[in-house]
């Protein structure tokens, strides 16, 4: 009742098994997946913050500067 009627719309042509486009598909990521142990160690290493507030701010600024540079 409130939907569109199929009579007024034209059917869209479908691609019947033609060549598919692989332009957006990449072959691989180029590196192996890290093991769980390596991933957890890397994550824990990033969390370490000095207990001294002044040193913590300095470390944060340095990390942010490196992130902007790359």
PDB file of N, CA and C in Angstrom:
ATOM      1  N   UNK A   1       0.815  -1.182   0.000  1.00  0.00           N
ATOM      2  CA  UNK A   1       0.000   0.000   0.000  1.00  0.00           C
ATOM      3  C   UNK A   1       0.865   1.254   0.000  1.00  0.00           C
ATOM      4  N   UNK A   2       1.841   1.324   0.900  1.00  0.00           N
ATOM      5  CA  UNK A   2       2.668   2.513   0.976  1.00  0.00           C
ATOM      6  C   UNK A   2       4.024   2.337   0.304  1.00  0.00           C
ATOM      7  N   UNK A   3       4.355   1.150  -0.113  1.00  0.00           N
ATOM      8  CA  UNK A   3       5.642   0.894  -0.750  1.00  0.00           C
ATOM      9  C   UNK A   3       5.630   1.290  -2.213  1.00  0.00           C
ATOM     10  N   UNK A   4       6.779   1.256  -2.815  1.00  0.00           N
ATOM     11  CA  UNK A   4       6.872   1.568  -4.239  1.00  0.00           C
ATOM     12  C   UNK A   4       6.333   0.412  -5.055  1.00  0.00           C
ATOM     13  N   UNK A   5       5.743   0.760  -6.158  1.00  0.00           N
ATOM     14  CA  UNK A   5       5.223  -0.301  -7.007  1.00  0.00           C
ATOM     15  C   UNK A   5       6.308  -0.732  -7.981  1.00  0.00           C
ATOM     16  N   UNK A   6       6.368  -2.010  -8.289  1.00  0.00           N
ATOM     17  CA  UNK A   6       7.380  -2.542  -9.190  1.00  0.00           C
ATOM     18  C   UNK A   6       7.098  -2.182 -10.641  1.00  0.00           C
ATOM     19  N   UNK A   7       5.910  -1.761 -10.940  1.00  0.00           N
ATOM     20  CA  UNK A   7       5.546  -1.442 -12.320  1.00  0.00           C
ATOM     21  C   UNK A   7       6.281  -0.207 -12.832  1.00  0.00           C
ATOM     22  N   UNK A   8       6.507   0.781 -11.970  1.00  0.00           N
ATOM     23  CA  UNK A   8       7.112   2.022 -12.430  1.00  0.00           C
ATOM     24  C   UNK A   8       8.646   1.934 -12.513  1.00  0.00           C
ATOM     25  N   UNK A   9       9.238   1.016 -11.789  1.00  0.00           N
ATOM     26  CA  UNK A   9      10.698   0.936 -11.812  1.00  0.00           C
ATOM     27  C   UNK A   9      11.163   0.035 -12.947  1.00  0.00           C
ATOM     28  N   UNK A  10      12.299   0.388 -13.522  1.00  0.00           N
ATOM     29  CA  UNK A  10      12.866  -0.427 -14.594  1.00  0.00           C
ATOM     30  C   UNK A  10      13.852  -1.404 -13.984  1.00  0.00           C
ATOM     31  N   UNK A  11      13.868  -2.627 -14.444  1.00  0.00           N
ATOM     32  CA  UNK A  11      14.821  -3.595 -13.889  1.00  0.00           C
ATOM     33  C   UNK A  11      16.247  -3.212 -14.260  1.00  0.00           C
ATOM     34  N   UNK A  12      17.144  -3.342 -13.277  1.00  0.00           N
ATOM     35  CA  UNK A  12      18.545  -3.010 -13.517  1.00  0.00           C
ATOM     36  C   UNK A  12      19.234  -4.186 -14.195  1.00  0.00           C
ATOM     37  N   UNK A  13      20.107  -3.908 -15.151  1.00  0.00           N
ATOM     38  CA  UNK A  13      20.822  -5.014 -15.803  1.00  0.00           C
ATOM     39  C   UNK A  13      21.792  -5.655 -14.813  1.00  0.00           C
ATOM     40  N   UNK A  14      21.839  -6.962 -14.827  1.00  0.00           N
ATOM     41  CA  UNK A  14      22.753  -7.673 -13.933  1.00  0.00           C
ATOM     42  C   UNK A  14      23.941  -8.185 -14.729  1.00  0.00           C
ATOM     43  N   UNK A  15      25.056  -8.259 -14.072  1.00  0.00           N
ATOM     44  CA  UNK A  15      26.272  -8.766 -14.702  1.00  0.00           C
ATOM     45  C   UNK A  15      26.240 -10.284 -14.606  1.00  0.00           C
ATOM     46  N   UNK A  16      26.079 -10.945 -15.715  1.00  0.00           N
ATOM     47  CA  UNK A  16      25.919 -12.397 -15.730  1.00  0.00           C
ATOM     48  C   UNK A  16      27.272 -13.101 -15.832  1.00  0.00           C
ATOM     49  N   UNK A  17      28.039 -13.067 -14.747  1.00  0.00           N
ATOM     50  CA  UNK A  17      29.301 -13.814 -14.728  1.00  0.00           C
ATOM     51  C   UNK A  17      30.409 -13.160 -15.523  1.00  0.00           C
ATOM     52  N   UNK A  18      30.353 -11.875 -15.718  1.00  0.00           N
ATOM     53  CA  UNK A  18      31.408 -11.176 -16.447  1.00  0.00           C
ATOM     54  C   UNK A  18      32.675 -11.100 -15.619  1.00  0.00           C
ATOM     55  N   UNK A  19      33.657 -10.408 -16.129  1.00  0.00           N
ATOM     56  CA  UNK A  19      34.924 -10.267 -15.418  1.00  0.00           C
ATOM     57  C   UNK A  19      34.701  -9.449 -14.155  1.00  0.00           C
ATOM     58  N   UNK A  20      35.222  -9.935 -13.053  1.00  0.00           N
ATOM     59  CA  UNK A  20      35.084  -9.209 -11.803  1.00  0.00           C
ATOM     60  C   UNK A  20      36.273  -8.283 -11.636  1.00  0.00           C
ATOM     61  N   UNK A  21      36.048  -7.186 -10.973  1.00  0.00           N
ATOM     62  CA  UNK A  21      37.097  -6.196 -10.783  1.00  0.00           C
ATOM     63  C   UNK A  21      37.897  -6.531  -9.534  1.00  0.00           C
ATOM     64  N   UNK A  22      39.192  -6.746  -9.677  1.00  0.00           N
ATOM     65  CA  UNK A  22      40.066  -7.033  -8.553  1.00  0.00           C
ATOM     66  C   UNK A  22      40.965  -5.839  -8.241  1.00  0.00           C
ATOM     67  N   UNK A  23      40.584  -4.655  -8.681  1.00  0.00           N
ATOM     68  CA  UNK A  23      41.433  -3.489  -8.486  1.00  0.00           C
ATOM     69  C   UNK A  23      41.566  -3.140  -7.009  1.00  0.00           C
ATOM     70  N   UNK A  24      40.527  -3.344  -6.196  1.00  0.00           N
ATOM     71  CA  UNK A  24      40.573  -2.992  -4.790  1.00  0.00           C
ATOM     72  C   UNK A  24      41.097  -4.098  -3.898  1.00  0.00           C
ATOM     73  N   UNK A  25      41.427  -5.254  -4.438  1.00  0.00           N
ATOM     74  CA  UNK A  25      41.867  -6.390  -3.641  1.00  0.00           C
ATOM     75  C   UNK A  25      43.389  -6.428  -3.568  1.00  0.00           C
ATOM     76  N   UNK A  26      43.913  -6.493  -2.353  1.00  0.00           N
ATOM     77  CA  UNK A  26      45.358  -6.569  -2.178  1.00  0.00           C
ATOM     78  C   UNK A  26      45.779  -8.024  -1.984  1.00  0.00           C
ATOM     79  N   UNK A  27      47.006  -8.331  -2.337  1.00  0.00           N
ATOM     80  CA  UNK A  27      47.499  -9.703  -2.255  1.00  0.00           C
ATOM     81  C   UNK A  27      47.697 -10.140  -0.810  1.00  0.00           C
ATOM     82  N   UNK A  28      48.212  -9.289   0.043  1.00  0.00           N
ATOM     83  CA  UNK A  28      48.455  -9.652   1.432  1.00  0.00           C
ATOM     84  C   UNK A  28      48.949  -8.458   2.209  1.00  0.00           C
ATOM     85  N   UNK A  29      49.112  -8.634   3.511  1.00  0.00           N
ATOM     86  CA  UNK A  29      49.540  -7.504   4.321  1.00  0.00           C
ATOM     87  C   UNK A  29      51.053  -7.347   4.365  1.00  0.00           C
ATOM     88  N   UNK A  30      51.795  -8.360   3.918  1.00  0.00           N
ATOM     89  CA  UNK A  30      53.233  -8.218   3.791  1.00  0.00           C
ATOM     90  C   UNK A  30      54.028  -8.575   5.029  1.00  0.00           C
ATOM     91  N   UNK A  31      53.362  -9.006   6.095  1.00  0.00           N
ATOM     92  CA  UNK A  31      54.085  -9.415   7.294  1.00  0.00           C
ATOM     93  C   UNK A  31      53.282 -10.511   7.991  1.00  0.00           C
ATOM     94  N   UNK A  32      53.950 -11.358   8.755  1.00  0.00           N
ATOM     95  CA  UNK A  32      53.225 -12.435   9.432  1.00  0.00           C
ATOM     96  C   UNK A  32      52.442 -11.905  10.630  1.00  0.00           C
ATOM     97  N   UNK A  33      51.416 -12.612  10.995  1.00  0.00           N
ATOM     98  CA  UNK A  33      50.629 -12.256  12.169  1.00  0.00           C
ATOM     99  C   UNK A  33      51.467 -12.509  13.416  1.00  0.00           C
ATOM    100  N   UNK A  34      51.547 -11.535  14.344  1.00  0.00           N
ATOM    101  CA  UNK A  34      52.347 -11.759  15.546  1.00  0.00           C
ATOM    102  C   UNK A  34      51.700 -12.817  16.436  1.00  0.00           C
ATOM    103  N   UNK A  35      52.536 -13.514  17.181  1.00  0.00           N
ATOM    104  CA  UNK A  35      52.000 -14.512  18.102  1.00  0.00           C
ATOM    105  C   UNK A  35      51.316 -13.794  19.256  1.00  0.00           C
ATOM    106  N   UNK A  36      50.511 -14.517  19.991  1.00  0.00           N
ATOM    107  CA  UNK A  36      49.795 -13.911  21.113  1.00  0.00           C
ATOM    108  C   UNK A  36      50.777 -13.356  22.141  1.00  0.00           C
ATOM    109  N   UNK A  37      51.848 -14.092  22.406  1.00  0.00           N
ATOM    110  CA  UNK A  37      52.842 -13.646  23.376  1.00  0.00           C
ATOM    111  C   UNK A  37      53.476 -12.327  22.934  1.00  0.00           C
ATOM    112  N   UNK A  38      53.833 -12.227  21.660  1.00  0.00           N
ATOM    113  CA  UNK A  38      54.442 -11.000  21.139  1.00  0.00           C
ATOM    114  C   UNK A  38      53.465  -9.834  21.200  1.00  0.00           C
ATOM    115  N   UNK A  39      52.207 -10.079  20.858  1.00  0.00           N
ATOM    116  CA  UNK A  39      51.212  -9.012  20.870  1.00  0.00           C
ATOM    117  C   UNK A  39      50.974  -8.499  22.286  1.00  0.00           C
ATOM    118  N   UNK A  40      50.867  -9.407  23.259  1.00  0.00           N
ATOM    119  CA  UNK A  40      50.656  -8.993  24.645  1.00  0.00           C
ATOM    120  C   UNK A  40      51.865  -8.235  25.180  1.00  0.00           C
ATOM    121  N   UNK A  41      53.070  -8.683  24.843  1.00  0.00           N
ATOM    122  CA  UNK A  41      54.280  -8.010  25.307  1.00  0.00           C
ATOM    123  C   UNK A  41      54.374  -6.602  24.729  1.00  0.00           C
ATOM    124  N   UNK A  42      54.036  -6.451  23.463  1.00  0.00           N
ATOM    125  CA  UNK A  42      54.080  -5.129  22.838  1.00  0.00           C
ATOM    126  C   UNK A  42      53.057  -4.196  23.476  1.00  0.00           C
ATOM    127  N   UNK A  43      51.883  -4.733  23.784  1.00  0.00           N
ATOM    128  CA  UNK A  43      50.843  -3.914  24.397  1.00  0.00           C
ATOM    129  C   UNK A  43      51.248  -3.481  25.803  1.00  0.00           C
ATOM    130  N   UNK A  44      51.832  -4.394  26.576  1.00  0.00           N
ATOM    131  CA  UNK A  44      52.246  -4.070  27.939  1.00  0.00           C
ATOM    132  C   UNK A  44      53.404  -3.085  27.948  1.00  0.00           C
ATOM    133  N   UNK A  45      54.274  -3.167  26.954  1.00  0.00           N
ATOM    134  CA  UNK A  45      55.411  -2.262  26.887  1.00  0.00           C
ATOM    135  C   UNK A  45      54.939  -0.833  26.640  1.00  0.00           C
ATOM    136  N   UNK A  46      53.903  -0.644  25.864  1.00  0.00           N
ATOM    137  CA  UNK A  46      53.402   0.688  25.567  1.00  0.00           C
ATOM    138  C   UNK A  46      52.733   1.325  26.779  1.00  0.00           C
ATOM    139  N   UNK A  47      52.231   0.523  27.712  1.00  0.00           N
ATOM    140  CA  UNK A  47      51.497   1.047  28.853  1.00  0.00           C
ATOM    141  C   UNK A  47      52.426   1.632  29.913  1.00  0.00           C
ATOM    142  N   UNK A  48      53.673   1.205  29.965  1.00  0.00           N
ATOM    143  CA  UNK A  48      54.588   1.636  31.015  1.00  0.00           C
ATOM    144  C   UNK A  48      54.750   3.156  31.003  1.00  0.00           C
ATOM    145  N   UNK A  49      54.439   3.776  32.154  1.00  0.00           N
ATOM    146  CA  UNK A  49      54.547   5.221  32.312  1.00  0.00           C
ATOM    147  C   UNK A  49      55.378   5.474  33.571  1.00  0.00           C
ATOM    148  N   UNK A  50      56.313   6.425  33.523  1.00  0.00           N
ATOM    149  CA  UNK A  50      57.088   6.734  34.730  1.00  0.00           C
ATOM    150  C   UNK A  50      56.176   7.215  35.859  1.00  0.00           C
ATOM    151  N   UNK A  51      56.557   6.901  37.108  1.00  0.00           N
ATOM    152  CA  UNK A  51      55.737   7.297  38.257  1.00  0.00           C
ATOM    153  C   UNK A  51      55.849   8.790  38.536  1.00  0.00           C
ATOM    154  N   UNK A  52      56.960   9.390  38.179  1.00  0.00           N
ATOM    155  CA  UNK A  52      57.158  10.820  38.372  1.00  0.00           C
ATOM    156  C   UNK A  52      56.288  11.582  37.376  1.00  0.00           C
ATOM    157  N   UNK A  53      55.409  12.484  37.824  1.00  0.00           N
ATOM    158  CA  UNK A  53      54.517  13.195  36.894  1.00  0.00           C
ATOM    159  C   UNK A  53      55.267  14.010  35.839  1.00  0.00           C
ATOM    160  N   UNK A  54      56.367  14.615  36.244  1.00  0.00           N
ATOM    161  CA  UNK A  54      57.139  15.414  35.290  1.00  0.00           C
ATOM    162  C   UNK A  54      57.737  14.530  34.201  1.00  0.00           C
ATOM    163  N   UNK A  55      58.272  13.385  34.588  1.00  0.00           N
ATOM    164  CA  UNK A  55      58.835  12.450  33.618  1.00  0.00           C
ATOM    165  C   UNK A  55      57.735  11.838  32.752  1.00  0.00           C
ATOM    166  N   UNK A  56      56.559  11.620  33.338  1.00  0.00           N
ATOM    167  CA  UNK A  56      55.441  11.064  32.574  1.00  0.00           C
ATOM    168  C   UNK A  56      54.999  12.036  31.484  1.00  0.00           C
ATOM    169  N   UNK A  57      54.916  13.321  31.817  1.00  0.00           N
ATOM    170  CA  UNK A  57      54.539  14.325  30.809  1.00  0.00           C
ATOM    171  C   UNK A  57      55.581  14.402  29.704  1.00  0.00           C
ATOM    172  N   UNK A  58      56.851  14.330  30.096  1.00  0.00           N
ATOM    173  CA  UNK A  58      57.924  14.385  29.104  1.00  0.00           C
ATOM    174  C   UNK A  58      57.849  13.178  28.172  1.00  0.00           C
ATOM    175  N   UNK A  59      57.608  11.998  28.732  1.00  0.00           N
ATOM    176  CA  UNK A  59      57.496  10.786  27.917  1.00  0.00           C
ATOM    177  C   UNK A  59      56.286  10.862  26.991  1.00  0.00           C
ATOM    178  N   UNK A  60      55.179  11.402  27.500  1.00  0.00           N
ATOM    179  CA  UNK A  60      53.971  11.539  26.677  1.00  0.00           C
ATOM    180  C   UNK A  60      54.215  12.496  25.520  1.00  0.00           C
ATOM    181  N   UNK A  61      54.874  13.627  25.808  1.00  0.00           N
ATOM    182  CA  UNK A  61      55.178  14.590  24.742  1.00  0.00           C
ATOM    183  C   UNK A  61      56.087  13.978  23.686  1.00  0.00           C
ATOM    184  N   UNK A  62      57.087  13.222  24.133  1.00  0.00           N
ATOM    185  CA  UNK A  62      58.013  12.576  23.196  1.00  0.00           C
ATOM    186  C   UNK A  62      57.287  11.550  22.324  1.00  0.00           C
ATOM    187  N   UNK A  63      56.415  10.755  22.940  1.00  0.00           N
ATOM    188  CA  UNK A  63      55.658   9.752  22.186  1.00  0.00           C
ATOM    189  C   UNK A  63      54.729  10.430  21.171  1.00  0.00           C
ATOM    190  N   UNK A  64      54.078  11.519  21.581  1.00  0.00           N
ATOM    191  CA  UNK A  64      53.196  12.242  20.658  1.00  0.00           C
ATOM    192  C   UNK A  64      53.987  12.866  19.513  1.00  0.00           C
ATOM    193  N   UNK A  65      55.176  13.383  19.813  1.00  0.00           N
ATOM    194  CA  UNK A  65      56.017  13.978  18.778  1.00  0.00           C
ATOM    195  C   UNK A  65      56.428  12.922  17.754  1.00  0.00           C
ATOM    196  N   UNK A  66      56.780  11.732  18.223  1.00  0.00           N
ATOM    197  CA  UNK A  66      57.147  10.646  17.310  1.00  0.00           C
ATOM    198  C   UNK A  66      55.952  10.203  16.465  1.00  0.00           C
ATOM    199  N   UNK A  67      54.768  10.196  17.074  1.00  0.00           N
ATOM    200  CA  UNK A  67      53.563   9.785  16.338  1.00  0.00           C
ATOM    201  C   UNK A  67      53.244  10.784  15.227  1.00  0.00           C
ATOM    202  N   UNK A  68      53.445  12.058  15.502  1.00  0.00           N
ATOM    203  CA  UNK A  68      53.185  13.075  14.472  1.00  0.00           C
ATOM    204  C   UNK A  68      54.222  13.024  13.362  1.00  0.00           C
ATOM    205  N   UNK A  69      55.459  12.665  13.705  1.00  0.00           N
ATOM    206  CA  UNK A  69      56.541  12.629  12.719  1.00  0.00           C
ATOM    207  C   UNK A  69      56.362  11.489  11.725  1.00  0.00           C
ATOM    208  N   UNK A  70      55.744  10.403  12.154  1.00  0.00           N
ATOM    209  CA  UNK A  70      55.585   9.262  11.249  1.00  0.00           C
ATOM    210  C   UNK A  70      54.218   9.193  10.652  1.00  0.00           C
TER     211      UNK A  70
END
